[in-house]
Amino acid sequence: MPNFKYRAINTTGKKVEGILEAESSSQAAKMIGSDLSIISIIPIGSRTTISEGFKIGNSLNIFKPRVSLKDLSLYARQLAVLLKATPLINALSTLTNQLESPYLKKITREVQADVSKGLFLSVALSRQKDVFSPFFINVVKSGEATGKLTDSLERLSSFLEKDVKLRSKIKSALTYPIIVVTAALIMVVGLTTFVIPGFAALLIEVGVDLPLPTQIVMTFSKALTTYWYIALAFILVALYLLRRYLKTETGRKSKDRLMLKLFLVGPLFRKSVYSQFARTLSLLLEGGTTLIDALKVLQDVIGNAVYEDDIKNIRLELERGKTLKNALSRSGLYPPLFLGLVGSGEESGALSEVLKKVADFYDDEIEYTIASITAAIEPIMLIFLGGMIAFLVLTMFLPLFSLMGGLQ
């Protein structure tokens, strides 16, 4: 059995090294455990082959395939259907044969092996944290505790399907302006790189006095064509630094806070948070999870740092005996309608059902907001694109007007 030398970082940020005896780098990564963040795993006494490099990459989450929410939704749905007709072990075996993804097949075989050893399904899934989120695992766990695993999986599948649709709608709303802005930038770069330089040379040769707007555009064009590599390097460095910053806690909070305040799309992001908050909490409560534990899971899946911090505070307020409505109202992040419905759900003892209706309401609101954004953003984009092109064309024609006036 080969030896592997590993380098990692512990919880205090200190680098540690060691040597393990394992069959593969993937097994060595599992032996290291989750307390250490792995930097590298290198076989001792042999060169790293391409296949071994991919194994190392998988252990470091570099080349590991991603499982989409749509795949997870179908996974839960298929497993729920199979459990109605056969025991869990047989259901997992059949599911493995039905799956198209080789990666999911591999994961399901490992889950089946763990369940065969006597582990609960939720425990087996928790050993595949790269695929199954804490929310997914918690819903399965609550289904096991109540003896309604099939129902929990069906509710989980429905939840994920709605989440996929919600994300798809938001992406579609943001795709159009991104495409228009990109097209505008390409057009500007094309004009300033290929058209304006030749036109400028002709004007200079004729001896026309260039107006200020034309001089500015020509200066920009000359700088872009002469020092394009510097501009490209600057853009790449800026993108790299921005990406590094957004990975920090401060950067992530700044980005999420900005997203909630953006013109037009800010309300869309806020409503999506309200919908996810209500639907996730409803599903967890319906499965028998306590409110405080459900909020802990929600904190990991809400996807917005601003609301993650708020959920921490909400949990503390609940532990002090406050109601959910009072805890929510302290931050000012939730609208009166949301708070009122949550309060009525608490008073009636049907919080889970009310939250489900709240989520449906905000799903409808999201569709209305997307339609409003699309209707508002089309003329804005057309004005933006038309104005940019008109400015460039005008800067080229102004010298001609001056020349024609001089001839007269």
Protein backbone atom coordinates (compact mmCIF):
# COMPACT_ATOMS: atom_id res chain seq x y z
CA MET A 1 0.00 0.00 0.00
CA PRO A 2 1.52 3.37 -1.02
CA ASN A 3 2.29 6.25 1.30
CA PHE A 4 1.00 9.78 0.80
CA LYS A 5 2.44 13.00 2.12
CA TYR A 6 -0.17 15.62 2.94
CA ARG A 7 -0.11 19.32 3.81
CA ALA A 8 -3.11 20.97 5.43
CA ILE A 9 -4.27 23.85 7.62
CA ASN A 10 -5.87 23.26 11.00
CA THR A 11 -8.66 25.28 12.63
CA THR A 12 -6.17 27.79 14.09
CA GLY A 13 -4.70 28.52 10.65
CA LYS A 14 -1.45 26.62 11.29
CA LYS A 15 0.04 24.46 8.53
CA VAL A 16 0.51 20.78 9.36
CA GLU A 17 2.18 17.95 7.45
CA GLY A 18 2.13 14.20 7.75
CA ILE A 19 2.40 10.84 6.00
CA LEU A 20 -0.45 8.36 5.62
CA GLU A 21 -0.62 4.83 4.29
CA ALA A 22 -3.66 4.50 2.03
CA GLU A 23 -4.80 2.83 -1.17
CA SER A 24 -5.45 6.14 -2.93
CA SER A 25 -5.30 9.89 -2.41
CA SER A 26 -9.09 9.95 -2.01
CA GLN A 27 -8.88 7.47 0.86
CA ALA A 28 -6.04 9.50 2.38
CA ALA A 29 -8.22 12.62 2.21
CA LYS A 30 -11.00 10.80 4.09
CA MET A 31 -8.52 9.59 6.71
CA ILE A 32 -7.37 13.17 7.31
CA GLY A 33 -10.92 14.13 8.24
CA SER A 34 -12.87 17.36 8.11
CA ASP A 35 -10.96 19.18 10.87
CA LEU A 36 -8.16 20.02 8.45
CA SER A 37 -8.32 21.98 5.20
CA ILE A 38 -6.21 20.02 2.70
CA ILE A 39 -3.62 21.89 0.64
CA SER A 40 -2.03 18.95 -1.17
CA ILE A 41 -1.76 15.15 -1.15
CA ILE A 42 1.27 13.73 -2.98
CA PRO A 43 2.25 10.06 -3.39
CA ILE A 44 5.70 9.34 -1.95
CA GLY A 45 8.23 7.67 -4.19
CA SER A 46 6.29 7.89 -7.41
CA ARG A 47 5.30 10.45 -9.98
CA THR A 48 1.77 11.72 -10.01
CA THR A 49 -0.06 10.31 -13.02
CA ILE A 50 -2.87 12.11 -14.77
CA SER A 51 -5.50 9.83 -13.27
CA GLU A 52 -3.98 10.23 -9.83
CA GLY A 53 -4.01 13.97 -10.33
CA PHE A 54 -7.74 13.81 -10.95
CA LYS A 55 -8.18 11.78 -7.79
CA ILE A 56 -6.28 14.42 -5.85
CA GLY A 57 -8.38 17.07 -7.54
CA ASN A 58 -11.55 15.30 -6.49
CA SER A 59 -10.40 15.19 -2.87
CA LEU A 60 -9.76 18.94 -3.03
CA ASN A 61 -13.09 19.67 -4.79
CA ILE A 62 -11.27 20.92 -7.91
CA PHE A 63 -12.46 18.42 -10.53
CA LYS A 64 -15.32 16.91 -8.55
CA PRO A 65 -18.60 16.94 -10.53
CA ARG A 66 -21.34 19.22 -9.30
CA VAL A 67 -24.82 17.89 -8.57
CA SER A 68 -27.55 20.35 -9.49
CA LEU A 69 -30.70 21.05 -7.49
CA LYS A 70 -32.68 19.53 -10.34
CA ASP A 71 -30.71 16.28 -10.01
CA LEU A 72 -31.27 16.25 -6.24
CA SER A 73 -34.99 16.87 -6.70
CA LEU A 74 -35.26 13.93 -9.09
CA TYR A 75 -33.09 11.85 -6.74
CA ALA A 76 -35.47 12.42 -3.81
CA ARG A 77 -38.52 11.81 -5.99
CA GLN A 78 -37.21 8.50 -7.36
CA LEU A 79 -36.17 7.28 -3.92
CA ALA A 80 -39.61 8.15 -2.49
CA VAL A 81 -41.36 6.20 -5.28
CA LEU A 82 -39.10 3.18 -4.79
CA LEU A 83 -39.59 3.19 -1.00
CA LYS A 84 -43.32 2.71 -1.51
CA ALA A 85 -42.64 -0.67 -3.09
CA THR A 86 -39.44 -2.00 -1.56
CA PRO A 87 -37.18 -1.72 1.52
CA LEU A 88 -34.51 0.97 1.70
CA ILE A 89 -31.56 -1.25 0.73
CA ASN A 90 -33.35 -2.54 -2.36
CA ALA A 91 -34.57 0.97 -3.20
CA LEU A 92 -31.00 2.30 -3.15
CA SER A 93 -29.82 -0.59 -5.31
CA THR A 94 -32.55 0.02 -7.87
CA LEU A 95 -31.95 3.76 -7.75
CA THR A 96 -28.27 3.20 -8.54
CA ASN A 97 -29.22 1.35 -11.72
CA GLN A 98 -31.67 4.10 -12.75
CA LEU A 99 -29.31 7.04 -12.30
CA GLU A 100 -27.62 8.46 -15.40
CA SER A 101 -24.86 10.39 -13.61
CA PRO A 102 -21.78 8.20 -12.94
CA TYR A 103 -20.91 10.43 -9.99
CA LEU A 104 -24.34 10.03 -8.38
CA LYS A 105 -24.15 6.28 -9.02
CA LYS A 106 -20.87 6.17 -7.10
CA ILE A 107 -22.29 8.25 -4.24
CA THR A 108 -25.42 6.09 -4.00
CA ARG A 109 -23.35 2.90 -3.86
CA GLU A 110 -21.41 4.36 -0.94
CA VAL A 111 -24.66 5.38 0.78
CA GLN A 112 -26.06 1.89 0.20
CA ALA A 113 -22.92 0.33 1.70
CA ASP A 114 -23.22 2.52 4.81
CA VAL A 115 -26.92 1.70 5.21
CA SER A 116 -26.08 -2.01 4.85
CA LYS A 117 -23.74 -1.61 7.83
CA GLY A 118 -26.65 -0.42 9.96
CA LEU A 119 -26.38 3.35 9.59
CA PHE A 120 -29.48 5.50 9.22
CA LEU A 121 -30.01 6.97 5.77
CA SER A 122 -29.53 10.50 7.14
CA VAL A 123 -26.18 9.49 8.66
CA ALA A 124 -25.08 7.85 5.40
CA LEU A 125 -26.06 10.97 3.47
CA SER A 126 -24.20 13.20 5.94
CA ARG A 127 -21.00 11.40 4.97
CA GLN A 128 -21.49 12.80 1.46
CA LYS A 129 -21.52 16.50 2.42
CA ASP A 130 -20.30 17.58 -1.00
CA VAL A 131 -23.58 16.37 -2.51
CA PHE A 132 -26.25 16.58 0.19
CA SER A 133 -26.78 19.84 2.05
CA PRO A 134 -27.56 20.07 5.80
CA PHE A 135 -31.12 20.96 4.79
CA PHE A 136 -31.50 17.81 2.66
CA ILE A 137 -30.07 15.65 5.45
CA ASN A 138 -32.24 17.26 8.12
CA VAL A 139 -35.45 16.64 6.18
CA VAL A 140 -34.50 12.99 5.74
CA LYS A 141 -33.63 12.76 9.44
CA SER A 142 -37.00 14.16 10.47
CA GLY A 143 -38.71 11.66 8.16
CA GLU A 144 -36.84 8.81 9.83
CA ALA A 145 -37.75 10.09 13.30
CA THR A 146 -41.46 10.29 12.50
CA GLY A 147 -41.58 7.10 10.43
CA LYS A 148 -42.66 9.06 7.35
CA LEU A 149 -39.51 8.99 5.27
CA THR A 150 -41.40 8.60 1.98
CA ASP A 151 -43.57 11.65 2.69
CA SER A 152 -40.53 13.68 3.71
CA LEU A 153 -38.71 12.79 0.50
CA GLU A 154 -41.74 13.76 -1.60
CA ARG A 155 -42.03 17.10 0.19
CA LEU A 156 -38.29 17.61 -0.23
CA SER A 157 -38.51 16.90 -3.96
CA SER A 158 -41.38 19.37 -4.37
CA PHE A 159 -39.43 21.98 -2.44
CA LEU A 160 -36.35 21.56 -4.62
CA GLU A 161 -38.44 21.70 -7.80
CA LYS A 162 -39.90 25.05 -6.73
CA ASP A 163 -36.45 26.28 -5.76
CA VAL A 164 -35.13 25.37 -9.21
CA LYS A 165 -38.01 27.22 -10.90
CA LEU A 166 -37.45 30.27 -8.69
CA ARG A 167 -33.74 30.42 -9.47
CA SER A 168 -34.44 29.94 -13.18
CA LYS A 169 -36.90 32.86 -13.20
CA ILE A 170 -34.44 35.15 -11.45
CA LYS A 171 -31.65 34.18 -13.85
CA SER A 172 -33.87 34.82 -16.85
CA ALA A 173 -34.72 38.28 -15.51
CA LEU A 174 -31.02 39.16 -15.19
CA THR A 175 -29.83 37.59 -18.45
CA TYR A 176 -31.30 40.20 -20.80
CA PRO A 177 -29.55 43.28 -19.37
CA ILE A 178 -26.27 41.39 -19.12
CA ILE A 179 -26.47 40.43 -22.81
CA VAL A 180 -27.34 44.01 -23.84
CA VAL A 181 -24.51 45.55 -21.81
CA THR A 182 -22.04 42.99 -23.17
CA ALA A 183 -23.15 43.69 -26.73
CA ALA A 184 -22.79 47.43 -26.14
CA LEU A 185 -19.27 47.02 -24.80
CA ILE A 186 -18.26 44.83 -27.74
CA MET A 187 -19.68 47.41 -30.15
CA VAL A 188 -17.85 50.27 -28.46
CA VAL A 189 -14.56 48.37 -28.47
CA GLY A 190 -15.08 47.48 -32.14
CA LEU A 191 -15.78 51.08 -33.17
CA THR A 192 -12.91 52.53 -31.16
CA THR A 193 -10.48 49.85 -32.35
CA PHE A 194 -11.25 49.50 -36.06
CA VAL A 195 -13.43 52.39 -37.27
CA ILE A 196 -12.38 55.51 -35.37
CA PRO A 197 -8.57 55.20 -35.88
CA GLY A 198 -8.92 55.24 -39.71
CA PHE A 199 -11.47 58.03 -39.57
CA ALA A 200 -9.24 60.06 -37.23
CA ALA A 201 -6.25 59.68 -39.55
CA LEU A 202 -8.32 61.03 -42.45
CA LEU A 203 -9.47 64.05 -40.43
CA ILE A 204 -5.95 64.87 -39.26
CA GLU A 205 -4.66 64.61 -42.83
CA VAL A 206 -7.31 67.08 -44.02
CA GLY A 207 -6.42 69.42 -41.16
CA VAL A 208 -9.83 69.69 -39.56
CA ASP A 209 -10.03 71.23 -36.08
CA LEU A 210 -11.43 68.47 -33.90
CA PRO A 211 -14.08 69.34 -31.26
CA LEU A 212 -13.52 68.23 -27.66
CA PRO A 213 -15.82 65.15 -27.73
CA THR A 214 -14.03 63.86 -30.82
CA GLN A 215 -10.62 64.46 -29.23
CA ILE A 216 -11.69 62.52 -26.12
CA VAL A 217 -12.93 59.55 -28.17
CA MET A 218 -9.80 59.56 -30.34
CA THR A 219 -7.55 59.69 -27.28
CA PHE A 220 -9.43 56.74 -25.80
CA SER A 221 -9.21 54.88 -29.12
CA LYS A 222 -5.45 55.46 -29.39
CA ALA A 223 -4.86 54.37 -25.82
CA LEU A 224 -6.97 51.25 -26.32
CA THR A 225 -5.25 50.20 -29.56
CA THR A 226 -1.73 51.01 -28.29
CA TYR A 227 -1.91 49.79 -24.71
CA TRP A 228 -4.60 47.10 -25.00
CA TYR A 229 -2.43 44.56 -23.17
CA ILE A 230 -2.14 46.88 -20.17
CA ALA A 231 -5.92 47.35 -20.15
CA LEU A 232 -6.43 43.59 -20.40
CA ALA A 233 -3.96 42.93 -17.57
CA PHE A 234 -5.66 45.58 -15.44
CA ILE A 235 -9.08 44.01 -16.01
CA LEU A 236 -7.82 40.51 -15.20
CA VAL A 237 -6.07 41.67 -12.02
CA ALA A 238 -9.15 43.65 -10.98
CA LEU A 239 -11.40 40.62 -11.53
CA TYR A 240 -9.01 38.39 -9.59
CA LEU A 241 -8.85 40.80 -6.65
CA LEU A 242 -12.62 41.24 -6.71
CA ARG A 243 -13.12 37.48 -6.66
CA ARG A 244 -10.71 37.14 -3.74
CA TYR A 245 -12.50 39.92 -1.87
CA LEU A 246 -15.94 38.40 -2.46
CA LYS A 247 -14.72 35.14 -0.93
CA THR A 248 -13.97 36.90 2.35
CA GLU A 249 -16.68 37.33 4.97
CA THR A 250 -16.58 41.12 4.61
CA GLY A 251 -16.74 40.95 0.81
CA ARG A 252 -19.63 38.49 0.84
CA LYS A 253 -21.63 40.65 3.23
CA SER A 254 -20.94 43.76 1.16
CA LYS A 255 -22.05 42.00 -2.04
CA ASP A 256 -25.22 40.59 -0.49
CA ARG A 257 -26.08 43.94 1.09
CA LEU A 258 -25.61 45.64 -2.29
CA MET A 259 -27.76 43.06 -4.09
CA LEU A 260 -30.66 43.86 -1.76
CA LYS A 261 -30.39 47.59 -2.55
CA LEU A 262 -29.91 47.49 -6.32
CA PHE A 263 -32.28 49.47 -8.51
CA LEU A 264 -35.12 47.32 -9.89
CA VAL A 265 -33.63 43.94 -8.91
CA GLY A 266 -33.23 44.64 -5.18
CA PRO A 267 -36.91 43.93 -4.43
CA LEU A 268 -36.65 40.73 -6.47
CA PHE A 269 -33.78 39.42 -4.32
CA ARG A 270 -35.58 40.38 -1.11
CA LYS A 271 -38.77 38.59 -2.15
CA SER A 272 -36.79 35.49 -3.11
CA VAL A 273 -35.30 35.48 0.40
CA TYR A 274 -38.78 35.79 1.94
CA SER A 275 -40.02 32.88 -0.17
CA GLN A 276 -37.07 30.64 0.64
CA PHE A 277 -37.21 31.59 4.33
CA ALA A 278 -40.89 30.70 4.61
CA ARG A 279 -40.85 27.54 2.49
CA THR A 280 -37.72 26.09 4.12
CA LEU A 281 -38.97 26.78 7.63
CA SER A 282 -42.39 25.34 6.75
CA LEU A 283 -40.92 22.11 5.43
CA LEU A 284 -38.66 21.63 8.44
CA LEU A 285 -41.42 22.36 10.95
CA GLU A 286 -43.80 20.06 9.10
CA GLY A 287 -41.26 17.27 9.47
CA GLY A 288 -41.10 17.69 13.24
CA THR A 289 -37.94 19.80 13.56
CA THR A 290 -38.05 22.31 16.42
CA LEU A 291 -38.16 25.98 15.50
CA ILE A 292 -34.69 26.75 16.84
CA ASP A 293 -33.14 23.74 15.08
CA ALA A 294 -35.01 24.65 11.89
CA LEU A 295 -33.57 28.17 12.02
CA LYS A 296 -30.09 26.70 12.41
CA VAL A 297 -30.56 24.72 9.19
CA LEU A 298 -32.14 27.73 7.48
CA GLN A 299 -29.09 29.80 8.34
CA ASP A 300 -26.94 27.44 6.24
CA VAL A 301 -29.18 27.47 3.17
CA ILE A 302 -30.63 31.00 2.98
CA GLY A 303 -27.76 32.12 0.71
CA ASN A 304 -27.53 35.74 1.87
CA ALA A 305 -25.00 36.87 4.49
CA VAL A 306 -27.22 39.73 5.71
CA TYR A 307 -30.07 37.36 6.53
CA GLU A 308 -27.69 34.71 7.89
CA ASP A 309 -26.56 37.17 10.56
CA ASP A 310 -30.15 38.09 11.29
CA ILE A 311 -31.18 34.45 11.69
CA LYS A 312 -28.43 34.05 14.31
CA ASN A 313 -29.96 36.92 16.25
CA ILE A 314 -33.47 35.48 15.82
CA ARG A 315 -32.33 32.18 17.35
CA LEU A 316 -30.89 34.03 20.34
CA GLU A 317 -34.14 35.93 20.78
CA LEU A 318 -36.15 32.71 20.67
CA GLU A 319 -33.89 31.13 23.27
CA ARG A 320 -34.68 34.12 25.52
CA GLY A 321 -38.39 33.42 25.21
CA LYS A 322 -39.35 35.86 22.45
CA THR A 323 -41.91 34.95 19.79
CA LEU A 324 -40.79 34.49 16.20
CA LYS A 325 -42.72 37.59 15.11
CA ASN A 326 -41.04 39.78 17.74
CA ALA A 327 -37.61 38.36 16.89
CA LEU A 328 -38.16 39.03 13.19
CA SER A 329 -39.43 42.58 13.72
CA ARG A 330 -36.29 43.71 15.56
CA SER A 331 -34.08 43.73 12.44
CA GLY A 332 -36.38 45.64 10.11
CA LEU A 333 -35.51 43.25 7.26
CA TYR A 334 -39.01 41.82 6.89
CA PRO A 335 -42.11 43.64 5.60
CA PRO A 336 -45.22 44.15 7.79
CA LEU A 337 -47.22 41.63 5.75
CA PHE A 338 -44.61 38.93 6.38
CA LEU A 339 -44.55 39.70 10.10
CA GLY A 340 -48.33 39.81 10.35
CA LEU A 341 -48.77 36.40 8.72
CA VAL A 342 -46.06 34.85 10.89
CA GLY A 343 -47.72 36.29 13.99
CA SER A 344 -51.11 34.87 13.00
CA GLY A 345 -49.51 31.48 12.37
CA GLU A 346 -47.95 31.47 15.83
CA GLU A 347 -51.21 32.49 17.51
CA SER A 348 -53.24 29.85 15.69
CA GLY A 349 -50.66 27.09 16.21
CA ALA A 350 -50.48 26.49 12.45
CA LEU A 351 -47.18 28.20 11.73
CA SER A 352 -46.06 25.60 9.19
CA GLU A 353 -49.24 25.93 7.11
CA VAL A 354 -49.16 29.73 7.24
CA LEU A 355 -45.51 29.81 6.19
CA LYS A 356 -46.33 27.62 3.20
CA LYS A 357 -48.98 30.15 2.13
CA VAL A 358 -46.51 32.98 2.70
CA ALA A 359 -44.03 31.25 0.39
CA ASP A 360 -46.71 30.76 -2.30
CA PHE A 361 -47.65 34.44 -2.01
CA TYR A 362 -44.08 35.61 -2.51
CA ASP A 363 -43.60 33.19 -5.40
CA ASP A 364 -46.48 34.97 -7.15
CA GLU A 365 -44.94 38.32 -6.18
CA ILE A 366 -41.64 37.24 -7.73
CA GLU A 367 -43.35 36.48 -11.04
CA TYR A 368 -45.05 39.90 -10.99
CA THR A 369 -41.74 41.61 -10.11
CA ILE A 370 -39.91 39.81 -12.92
CA ALA A 371 -42.58 40.92 -15.40
CA SER A 372 -42.25 44.49 -14.12
CA ILE A 373 -38.45 44.38 -14.36
CA THR A 374 -38.60 43.05 -17.92
CA ALA A 375 -41.09 45.75 -18.95
CA ALA A 376 -38.99 48.51 -17.34
CA ILE A 377 -35.55 47.32 -18.34
CA GLU A 378 -36.16 46.97 -22.10
CA PRO A 379 -36.60 50.72 -22.77
CA ILE A 380 -33.77 51.53 -20.34
CA MET A 381 -31.41 49.20 -22.19
CA LEU A 382 -32.50 50.53 -25.58
CA ILE A 383 -31.94 54.12 -24.45
CA PHE A 384 -28.55 53.15 -23.00
CA LEU A 385 -27.43 51.30 -26.12
CA GLY A 386 -28.82 53.89 -28.51
CA GLY A 387 -27.31 56.77 -26.55
CA MET A 388 -23.87 55.18 -26.52
CA ILE A 389 -23.89 54.53 -30.27
CA ALA A 390 -25.34 57.97 -31.01
CA PHE A 391 -22.55 59.62 -29.01
CA LEU A 392 -19.84 57.75 -30.91
CA VAL A 393 -21.43 58.49 -34.28
CA LEU A 394 -21.90 62.14 -33.36
CA THR A 395 -18.24 62.52 -32.36
CA MET A 396 -17.29 61.31 -35.84
CA PHE A 397 -19.74 63.58 -37.68
CA LEU A 398 -19.05 66.78 -35.72
CA PRO A 399 -15.73 67.37 -37.55
CA LEU A 400 -17.50 66.80 -40.88
CA PHE A 401 -20.10 69.42 -40.01
CA SER A 402 -17.26 71.80 -39.13
CA LEU A 403 -15.50 71.03 -42.42
CA MET A 404 -18.68 71.54 -44.47
CA GLY A 405 -19.29 74.87 -42.68
CA GLY A 406 -15.78 76.03 -43.56
CA LEU A 407 -16.25 75.14 -47.24
CA GLN A 408 -19.43 77.20 -47.40
